[in-house]
Amino acid sequence: ALVEVQVPALEGDALAGQALYRKSCASCHGENAGGRDGIGPPLVHKIYEPGHHADGSFLLATARGVRAHHWPFGDMLPVEGVSQADVEKIVVYVRTLQRANGIN
């Protein structure tokens, strides 16, 4: 992990989002969105705070991919097999982690 992430108690969509995140995102963005050295950035980071990357940016990133612009990890490819409803739950999980770690 590139950052240490405190995980709060999860329930509802955040808990569902955690399971979906582990299935579709953790291989690049690390356990609990802490990033993976040389592979993918942490999502629990001030760069991804809601005022800079709104929830819709996560939806677009998974659907279309993203050109590298904040980190030296290379481009992010679209994520196959993840629905918009899945991404919405993943975003609830990520935002819950961010708030628990002082990112609002």
C-alpha atoms as a PDB file:
ATOM      1  CA  ALA A   1       0.000   0.000   0.000  1.00  0.00           C
ATOM      2  CA  LEU A   2       1.124   3.530  -0.749  1.00  0.00           C
ATOM      3  CA  VAL A   3      -0.982   5.016   2.050  1.00  0.00           C
ATOM      4  CA  GLU A   4      -2.206   3.560   5.306  1.00  0.00           C
ATOM      5  CA  VAL A   5      -6.003   3.421   5.381  1.00  0.00           C
ATOM      6  CA  GLN A   6      -8.160   3.222   8.489  1.00  0.00           C
ATOM      7  CA  VAL A   7     -11.302   1.212   7.709  1.00  0.00           C
ATOM      8  CA  PRO A   8     -14.432   2.198   9.650  1.00  0.00           C
ATOM      9  CA  ALA A   9     -17.379  -0.078  10.348  1.00  0.00           C
ATOM     10  CA  LEU A  10     -19.225  -0.527   7.066  1.00  0.00           C
ATOM     11  CA  GLU A  11     -22.887  -1.128   6.362  1.00  0.00           C
ATOM     12  CA  GLY A  12     -25.388  -0.894   3.515  1.00  0.00           C
ATOM     13  CA  ASP A  13     -24.031   0.309   0.173  1.00  0.00           C
ATOM     14  CA  ALA A  14     -20.559   0.878   1.627  1.00  0.00           C
ATOM     15  CA  LEU A  15     -20.346  -2.785   2.627  1.00  0.00           C
ATOM     16  CA  ALA A  16     -21.682  -3.907  -0.755  1.00  0.00           C
ATOM     17  CA  GLY A  17     -19.239  -1.520  -2.404  1.00  0.00           C
ATOM     18  CA  GLN A  18     -16.349  -3.062  -0.491  1.00  0.00           C
ATOM     19  CA  ALA A  19     -17.105  -6.497  -1.976  1.00  0.00           C
ATOM     20  CA  LEU A  20     -17.412  -5.036  -5.483  1.00  0.00           C
ATOM     21  CA  TYR A  21     -14.226  -3.001  -5.001  1.00  0.00           C
ATOM     22  CA  ARG A  22     -12.302  -6.102  -3.955  1.00  0.00           C
ATOM     23  CA  LYS A  23     -13.512  -7.928  -7.064  1.00  0.00           C
ATOM     24  CA  SER A  24     -12.941  -5.183  -9.639  1.00  0.00           C
ATOM     25  CA  CYS A  25     -10.557  -2.540  -8.275  1.00  0.00           C
ATOM     26  CA  ALA A  26      -8.226  -3.892  -5.588  1.00  0.00           C
ATOM     27  CA  SER A  27      -5.843  -5.593  -8.017  1.00  0.00           C
ATOM     28  CA  CYS A  28      -4.687  -2.135  -9.168  1.00  0.00           C
ATOM     29  CA  HIS A  29      -5.765   0.305  -6.437  1.00  0.00           C
ATOM     30  CA  GLY A  30      -4.826  -1.951  -3.529  1.00  0.00           C
ATOM     31  CA  GLU A  31      -6.545  -3.291  -0.481  1.00  0.00           C
ATOM     32  CA  ASN A  32      -8.857  -0.656   1.001  1.00  0.00           C
ATOM     33  CA  ALA A  33      -7.947   1.773  -1.813  1.00  0.00           C
ATOM     34  CA  GLY A  34      -4.463   2.346  -0.415  1.00  0.00           C
ATOM     35  CA  GLY A  35      -2.765   2.017  -3.816  1.00  0.00           C
ATOM     36  CA  ARG A  36      -0.180  -0.452  -5.080  1.00  0.00           C
ATOM     37  CA  ASP A  37       3.412   0.617  -5.604  1.00  0.00           C
ATOM     38  CA  GLY A  38       4.201   0.676  -9.326  1.00  0.00           C
ATOM     39  CA  ILE A  39       0.684  -0.491 -10.252  1.00  0.00           C
ATOM     40  CA  GLY A  40      -2.057   1.957  -9.260  1.00  0.00           C
ATOM     41  CA  PRO A  41      -2.690   5.045  -7.148  1.00  0.00           C
ATOM     42  CA  PRO A  42      -4.452   5.199  -3.804  1.00  0.00           C
ATOM     43  CA  LEU A  43      -8.046   6.392  -3.993  1.00  0.00           C
ATOM     44  CA  VAL A  44      -7.873   7.403  -0.343  1.00  0.00           C
ATOM     45  CA  HIS A  45      -5.884  10.494  -1.227  1.00  0.00           C
ATOM     46  CA  LYS A  46      -6.651  14.218  -1.358  1.00  0.00           C
ATOM     47  CA  ILE A  47      -6.419  14.130  -5.173  1.00  0.00           C
ATOM     48  CA  TYR A  48      -9.641  12.104  -5.212  1.00  0.00           C
ATOM     49  CA  GLU A  49     -11.572  14.256  -2.741  1.00  0.00           C
ATOM     50  CA  PRO A  50     -15.111  15.028  -3.942  1.00  0.00           C
ATOM     51  CA  GLY A  51     -14.293  18.650  -4.767  1.00  0.00           C
ATOM     52  CA  HIS A  52     -11.599  17.597  -7.226  1.00  0.00           C
ATOM     53  CA  HIS A  53     -12.924  14.276  -8.544  1.00  0.00           C
ATOM     54  CA  ALA A  54     -16.707  14.162  -8.294  1.00  0.00           C
ATOM     55  CA  ASP A  55     -18.501  10.829  -8.100  1.00  0.00           C
ATOM     56  CA  GLY A  56     -19.155  10.956 -11.837  1.00  0.00           C
ATOM     57  CA  SER A  57     -15.425  10.839 -12.531  1.00  0.00           C
ATOM     58  CA  PHE A  58     -15.338   7.318 -11.099  1.00  0.00           C
ATOM     59  CA  LEU A  59     -18.216   6.319 -13.365  1.00  0.00           C
ATOM     60  CA  LEU A  60     -16.445   7.741 -16.409  1.00  0.00           C
ATOM     61  CA  ALA A  61     -13.112   6.195 -15.452  1.00  0.00           C
ATOM     62  CA  THR A  62     -14.524   2.696 -15.216  1.00  0.00           C
ATOM     63  CA  ALA A  63     -16.580   3.058 -18.406  1.00  0.00           C
ATOM     64  CA  ARG A  64     -14.026   4.854 -20.612  1.00  0.00           C
ATOM     65  CA  GLY A  65     -10.666   4.549 -18.935  1.00  0.00           C
ATOM     66  CA  VAL A  66      -8.431   7.491 -18.025  1.00  0.00           C
ATOM     67  CA  ARG A  67      -5.266   8.959 -19.479  1.00  0.00           C
ATOM     68  CA  ALA A  68      -2.546   9.241 -16.845  1.00  0.00           C
ATOM     69  CA  HIS A  69      -2.423  12.775 -15.496  1.00  0.00           C
ATOM     70  CA  HIS A  70      -1.847  12.797 -11.716  1.00  0.00           C
ATOM     71  CA  TRP A  71       0.369   9.774 -11.220  1.00  0.00           C
ATOM     72  CA  PRO A  72       3.154   7.925 -13.076  1.00  0.00           C
ATOM     73  CA  PHE A  73       1.265   4.630 -13.260  1.00  0.00           C
ATOM     74  CA  GLY A  74       0.182   4.872 -16.885  1.00  0.00           C
ATOM     75  CA  ASP A  75      -3.304   4.963 -18.344  1.00  0.00           C
ATOM     76  CA  MET A  76      -6.244   3.241 -16.685  1.00  0.00           C
ATOM     77  CA  LEU A  77      -8.160   0.952 -19.011  1.00  0.00           C
ATOM     78  CA  PRO A  78     -11.959   0.677 -18.873  1.00  0.00           C
ATOM     79  CA  VAL A  79     -13.143  -1.922 -16.365  1.00  0.00           C
ATOM     80  CA  GLU A  80     -15.150  -4.667 -18.023  1.00  0.00           C
ATOM     81  CA  GLY A  81     -18.166  -6.260 -16.355  1.00  0.00           C
ATOM     82  CA  VAL A  82     -18.867  -3.486 -13.848  1.00  0.00           C
ATOM     83  CA  SER A  83     -22.285  -1.876 -14.041  1.00  0.00           C
ATOM     84  CA  GLN A  84     -23.102   1.724 -13.212  1.00  0.00           C
ATOM     85  CA  ALA A  85     -24.975   0.485 -10.126  1.00  0.00           C
ATOM     86  CA  ASP A  86     -21.834  -1.420  -9.067  1.00  0.00           C
ATOM     87  CA  VAL A  87     -19.659   1.673  -9.501  1.00  0.00           C
ATOM     88  CA  GLU A  88     -22.112   3.758  -7.495  1.00  0.00           C
ATOM     89  CA  LYS A  89     -21.705   1.333  -4.575  1.00  0.00           C
ATOM     90  CA  ILE A  90     -17.935   1.293  -5.005  1.00  0.00           C
ATOM     91  CA  VAL A  91     -17.980   5.098  -4.814  1.00  0.00           C
ATOM     92  CA  VAL A  92     -19.964   4.941  -1.551  1.00  0.00           C
ATOM     93  CA  TYR A  93     -17.275   2.608  -0.175  1.00  0.00           C
ATOM     94  CA  VAL A  94     -14.401   4.828  -1.354  1.00  0.00           C
ATOM     95  CA  ARG A  95     -16.058   7.999  -0.032  1.00  0.00           C
ATOM     96  CA  THR A  96     -16.662   6.256   3.321  1.00  0.00           C
ATOM     97  CA  LEU A  97     -12.969   5.354   3.500  1.00  0.00           C
ATOM     98  CA  GLN A  98     -11.972   8.880   2.525  1.00  0.00           C
ATOM     99  CA  ARG A  99     -14.122  10.469   5.239  1.00  0.00           C
ATOM    100  CA  ALA A 100     -12.758   8.038   7.834  1.00  0.00           C
ATOM    101  CA  ASN A 101      -9.272   9.177   6.842  1.00  0.00           C
ATOM    102  CA  GLY A 102      -9.915  12.917   6.930  1.00  0.00           C
ATOM    103  CA  ILE A 103     -10.693  13.477   3.249  1.00  0.00           C
ATOM    104  CA  ASN A 104     -13.932  15.356   2.776  1.00  0.00           C
END
